[in-house]
Amino acid sequence: MDIPTTTTASSAPTSPASATATQISSDFEMFLQMLTAQMQYQDPLNPIDSTDYATQLATFSGVEQAVQTNDLLRALTEQMGVSGLAEMAGLVGKQARTSAPTYFDGQPLTLHPQPSTIGDSQEIVVTDDAGNEVQRLPVNAGEDTITWAGVGPGGEPMAAGSYTFEIVTLSQGQVIAEDPVETYGQITEVRVEDGANVLVLQGGATVPSSVVTAVRDGAV
């Protein structure tokens, strides 16, 4: 009596590109089988026009080319991301100007509000990393930079941590606009996430490099 044997073959990991190529090949074979069956079982008294077959082949070929083009673009994007990451490595240690939460360690922070032209007054609202409002500061007309010392009303220093700044525009005591305020945060790391270059700031905030509006030396 023969005893059937089972052979287990190990398979190497398949890349997305090769998996897509295999899928396209399989789909094309299925398409040809369906096209052959369509030709075989067509009504002999009302045959399908040959141009219809040509159109179907051209349509499938177009889809195949589009899938392969997308794979190529994806591969190029990944290569460009790695290349850009190498170039951005020199940003580590510098300061990036963004509206992300900024780490405060006792050193004053320079805020860059953009006061609205509407309304009759503006205020800077400061919130901590838990989202609690800790301070409000008036903004004078035409003031484009504000030094935030990080001290309370009694002169006591605020706790070290990440703080977020927002400018609130008021009209007759009512809030009519809320806009983020930019400040400089120390860059501690650069990395690629989902094909985009991302900066990691001191305190843990992450921002896409595309939203950075200025970079300066970290010793400033």
Protein backbone atom coordinates (compact mmCIF):
# COMPACT_ATOMS: atom_id res chain seq x y z
CA MET A 1 0.00 0.00 0.00
CA ASP A 2 1.44 3.29 -1.02
CA ILE A 3 1.48 5.97 1.61
CA PRO A 4 1.07 9.42 0.15
CA THR A 5 3.75 11.84 1.17
CA THR A 6 3.42 15.56 1.58
CA THR A 7 6.22 17.86 0.63
CA THR A 8 6.35 21.30 2.21
CA ALA A 9 8.15 23.84 0.13
CA SER A 10 9.51 26.97 1.67
CA SER A 11 8.78 30.17 -0.19
CA ALA A 12 10.82 33.34 -0.17
CA PRO A 13 9.08 36.63 0.62
CA THR A 14 7.45 38.14 -2.44
CA SER A 15 7.92 41.83 -3.17
CA PRO A 16 4.83 43.93 -3.96
CA ALA A 17 6.09 44.53 -7.52
CA SER A 18 6.57 40.82 -8.28
CA ALA A 19 3.22 40.01 -6.65
CA THR A 20 1.55 42.61 -8.86
CA ALA A 21 3.27 41.23 -11.97
CA THR A 22 2.07 37.72 -11.07
CA GLN A 23 -1.47 39.01 -10.56
CA ILE A 24 -1.42 40.82 -13.90
CA SER A 25 -0.16 37.68 -15.68
CA SER A 26 -2.87 35.58 -14.04
CA ASP A 27 -5.57 38.11 -14.89
CA PHE A 28 -4.38 38.33 -18.51
CA GLU A 29 -4.54 34.55 -18.91
CA MET A 30 -8.07 34.58 -17.49
CA PHE A 31 -8.96 37.43 -19.84
CA LEU A 32 -7.70 35.43 -22.85
CA GLN A 33 -9.72 32.38 -21.75
CA MET A 34 -12.86 34.48 -21.46
CA LEU A 35 -12.18 36.11 -24.82
CA THR A 36 -11.67 32.70 -26.46
CA ALA A 37 -14.91 31.42 -24.93
CA GLN A 38 -16.68 34.54 -26.16
CA MET A 39 -15.46 33.89 -29.69
CA GLN A 40 -16.30 30.17 -29.49
CA TYR A 41 -19.87 30.57 -28.29
CA GLN A 42 -20.86 33.69 -30.18
CA ASP A 43 -23.99 33.67 -32.29
CA PRO A 44 -22.89 32.64 -35.82
CA LEU A 45 -25.78 34.62 -37.26
CA ASN A 46 -24.75 37.72 -35.37
CA PRO A 47 -20.97 37.52 -34.83
CA ILE A 48 -19.17 40.05 -32.70
CA ASP A 49 -17.41 42.75 -34.66
CA SER A 50 -13.63 42.25 -34.75
CA THR A 51 -13.17 45.83 -33.60
CA ASP A 52 -14.85 44.90 -30.31
CA TYR A 53 -12.12 42.33 -29.67
CA ALA A 54 -9.47 44.89 -30.48
CA THR A 55 -11.11 47.36 -28.08
CA GLN A 56 -11.21 44.79 -25.27
CA LEU A 57 -7.53 43.90 -25.80
CA ALA A 58 -6.55 47.57 -25.87
CA THR A 59 -8.54 48.27 -22.69
CA PHE A 60 -6.92 45.43 -20.78
CA SER A 61 -3.49 46.44 -22.06
CA GLY A 62 -4.11 50.00 -20.87
CA VAL A 63 -5.05 48.80 -17.38
CA GLU A 64 -1.96 46.58 -17.29
CA GLN A 65 0.29 49.50 -18.25
CA ALA A 66 -1.35 51.76 -15.65
CA VAL A 67 -0.72 49.23 -12.86
CA GLN A 68 2.92 48.81 -13.90
CA THR A 69 3.34 52.59 -14.10
CA ASN A 70 1.95 53.00 -10.58
CA ASP A 71 4.41 50.40 -9.29
CA LEU A 72 7.28 52.20 -10.99
CA LEU A 73 6.22 55.57 -9.57
CA ARG A 74 5.91 54.03 -6.11
CA ALA A 75 9.44 52.62 -6.35
CA LEU A 76 10.81 55.98 -7.55
CA THR A 77 9.03 57.78 -4.70
CA GLU A 78 10.60 55.46 -2.15
CA GLN A 79 14.06 55.99 -3.66
CA MET A 80 13.58 59.76 -3.65
CA GLY A 81 12.43 59.61 -0.04
CA VAL A 82 15.58 57.76 1.04
CA SER A 83 17.74 60.15 -1.00
CA GLY A 84 16.02 63.17 0.53
CA LEU A 85 16.43 61.67 3.98
CA ALA A 86 20.21 61.53 3.52
CA GLU A 87 20.23 65.19 2.50
CA MET A 88 18.04 66.16 5.46
CA ALA A 89 20.29 64.43 7.99
CA GLY A 90 22.17 67.72 8.30
CA LEU A 91 19.06 69.33 9.82
CA VAL A 92 19.41 67.35 13.04
CA GLY A 93 20.41 69.79 15.78
CA LYS A 94 18.96 72.81 13.97
CA GLN A 95 15.68 74.55 14.75
CA ALA A 96 12.59 74.35 12.54
CA ARG A 97 9.86 76.95 12.54
CA THR A 98 6.42 75.32 12.65
CA SER A 99 3.11 75.57 14.49
CA ALA A 100 3.70 72.18 16.17
CA PRO A 101 3.88 71.86 19.96
CA THR A 102 7.24 73.30 21.08
CA TYR A 103 9.35 72.03 23.95
CA PHE A 104 10.07 74.59 26.69
CA ASP A 105 13.02 73.94 29.03
CA GLY A 106 13.29 77.33 30.70
CA GLN A 107 14.76 79.18 27.72
CA PRO A 108 12.50 81.90 26.21
CA LEU A 109 10.72 81.04 22.96
CA THR A 110 10.26 83.44 20.06
CA LEU A 111 6.68 83.39 18.77
CA HIS A 112 5.72 84.49 15.27
CA PRO A 113 2.01 85.40 15.30
CA GLN A 114 0.20 86.66 12.24
CA PRO A 115 -2.47 88.95 13.64
CA SER A 116 -5.68 89.21 11.65
CA THR A 117 -6.58 92.55 10.11
CA ILE A 118 -10.16 92.12 11.29
CA GLY A 119 -11.39 92.40 14.84
CA ASP A 120 -10.44 94.89 17.50
CA SER A 121 -7.96 92.85 19.59
CA GLN A 122 -5.83 89.70 19.56
CA GLU A 123 -4.50 87.40 22.27
CA ILE A 124 -1.96 84.59 22.36
CA VAL A 125 -3.42 81.51 24.06
CA VAL A 126 -0.87 79.10 25.54
CA THR A 127 -1.82 75.47 26.24
CA ASP A 128 0.25 72.69 27.77
CA ASP A 129 0.74 69.17 26.41
CA ALA A 130 -2.46 68.07 28.15
CA GLY A 131 -4.49 70.70 26.28
CA ASN A 132 -5.00 72.93 29.33
CA GLU A 133 -4.88 76.68 28.88
CA VAL A 134 -2.08 78.06 31.03
CA GLN A 135 -1.73 81.66 29.88
CA ARG A 136 -3.10 84.47 27.70
CA LEU A 137 -0.97 87.30 26.34
CA PRO A 138 -2.16 90.47 24.55
CA VAL A 139 -0.85 91.13 21.04
CA ASN A 140 -0.09 94.69 20.03
CA ALA A 141 -0.99 95.89 16.54
CA GLY A 142 1.86 95.33 14.10
CA GLU A 143 3.73 93.03 16.48
CA ASP A 144 5.21 90.21 14.38
CA THR A 145 7.42 88.58 17.03
CA ILE A 146 6.79 87.96 20.71
CA THR A 147 9.25 86.59 23.26
CA TRP A 148 7.55 84.10 25.56
CA ALA A 149 9.54 83.80 28.76
CA GLY A 150 7.45 80.96 30.16
CA VAL A 151 6.73 82.52 33.53
CA GLY A 152 3.47 82.70 35.44
CA PRO A 153 1.74 85.87 36.71
CA GLY A 154 3.80 85.70 39.90
CA GLY A 155 7.09 85.36 38.05
CA GLU A 156 7.39 81.63 38.71
CA PRO A 157 8.79 79.57 35.81
CA MET A 158 6.42 77.16 34.12
CA ALA A 159 7.14 73.46 34.08
CA ALA A 160 9.30 72.07 31.33
CA GLY A 161 7.28 70.43 28.59
CA SER A 162 5.62 70.96 25.22
CA TYR A 163 3.41 74.01 24.72
CA THR A 164 1.13 75.03 21.86
CA PHE A 165 0.43 78.64 20.87
CA GLU A 166 -2.61 80.09 19.15
CA ILE A 167 -3.64 83.62 18.27
CA VAL A 168 -7.28 84.45 18.96
CA THR A 169 -8.94 87.42 17.29
CA LEU A 170 -11.75 89.16 19.15
CA SER A 171 -14.47 91.55 18.02
CA GLN A 172 -16.57 93.18 20.71
CA GLY A 173 -15.45 90.47 23.11
CA GLN A 174 -16.42 87.62 20.79
CA VAL A 175 -13.92 85.21 19.21
CA ILE A 176 -14.08 85.53 15.43
CA ALA A 177 -10.83 83.77 14.40
CA GLU A 178 -8.33 81.28 15.81
CA ASP A 179 -4.99 80.70 14.07
CA PRO A 180 -1.87 78.71 15.01
CA VAL A 181 1.30 80.53 15.99
CA GLU A 182 4.68 79.42 14.71
CA THR A 183 7.80 79.08 16.84
CA TYR A 184 11.15 77.31 16.61
CA GLY A 185 11.65 73.78 17.87
CA GLN A 186 14.84 71.71 18.02
CA ILE A 187 15.10 68.95 15.37
CA THR A 188 16.18 65.67 16.98
CA GLU A 189 15.51 63.21 14.15
CA VAL A 190 14.52 62.96 10.48
CA ARG A 191 12.78 59.90 9.05
CA VAL A 192 10.55 58.66 6.24
CA GLU A 193 6.90 57.87 6.97
CA ASP A 194 4.54 56.78 4.18
CA GLY A 195 6.98 58.05 1.59
CA ALA A 196 7.23 61.54 3.13
CA ASN A 197 10.14 63.09 5.02
CA VAL A 198 9.19 63.82 8.61
CA LEU A 199 10.97 65.87 11.26
CA VAL A 200 10.89 64.86 14.92
CA LEU A 201 11.16 67.82 17.28
CA GLN A 202 12.37 67.95 20.84
CA GLY A 203 9.47 66.87 23.02
CA GLY A 204 8.28 64.27 20.50
CA ALA A 205 6.20 66.33 18.06
CA THR A 206 6.44 65.17 14.43
CA VAL A 207 5.84 67.37 11.40
CA PRO A 208 6.16 66.82 7.63
CA SER A 209 9.15 68.69 6.24
CA SER A 210 6.77 70.39 3.80
CA VAL A 211 5.14 72.47 6.59
CA VAL A 212 8.43 73.92 7.87
CA THR A 213 8.56 77.63 7.01
CA ALA A 214 12.12 78.38 8.19
CA VAL A 215 15.24 76.71 9.61
CA ARG A 216 17.94 78.29 11.74
CA ASP A 217 21.04 77.23 13.61
CA GLY A 218 20.30 75.37 16.81
CA ALA A 219 22.63 77.58 18.84
CA VAL A 220 20.43 80.65 18.37
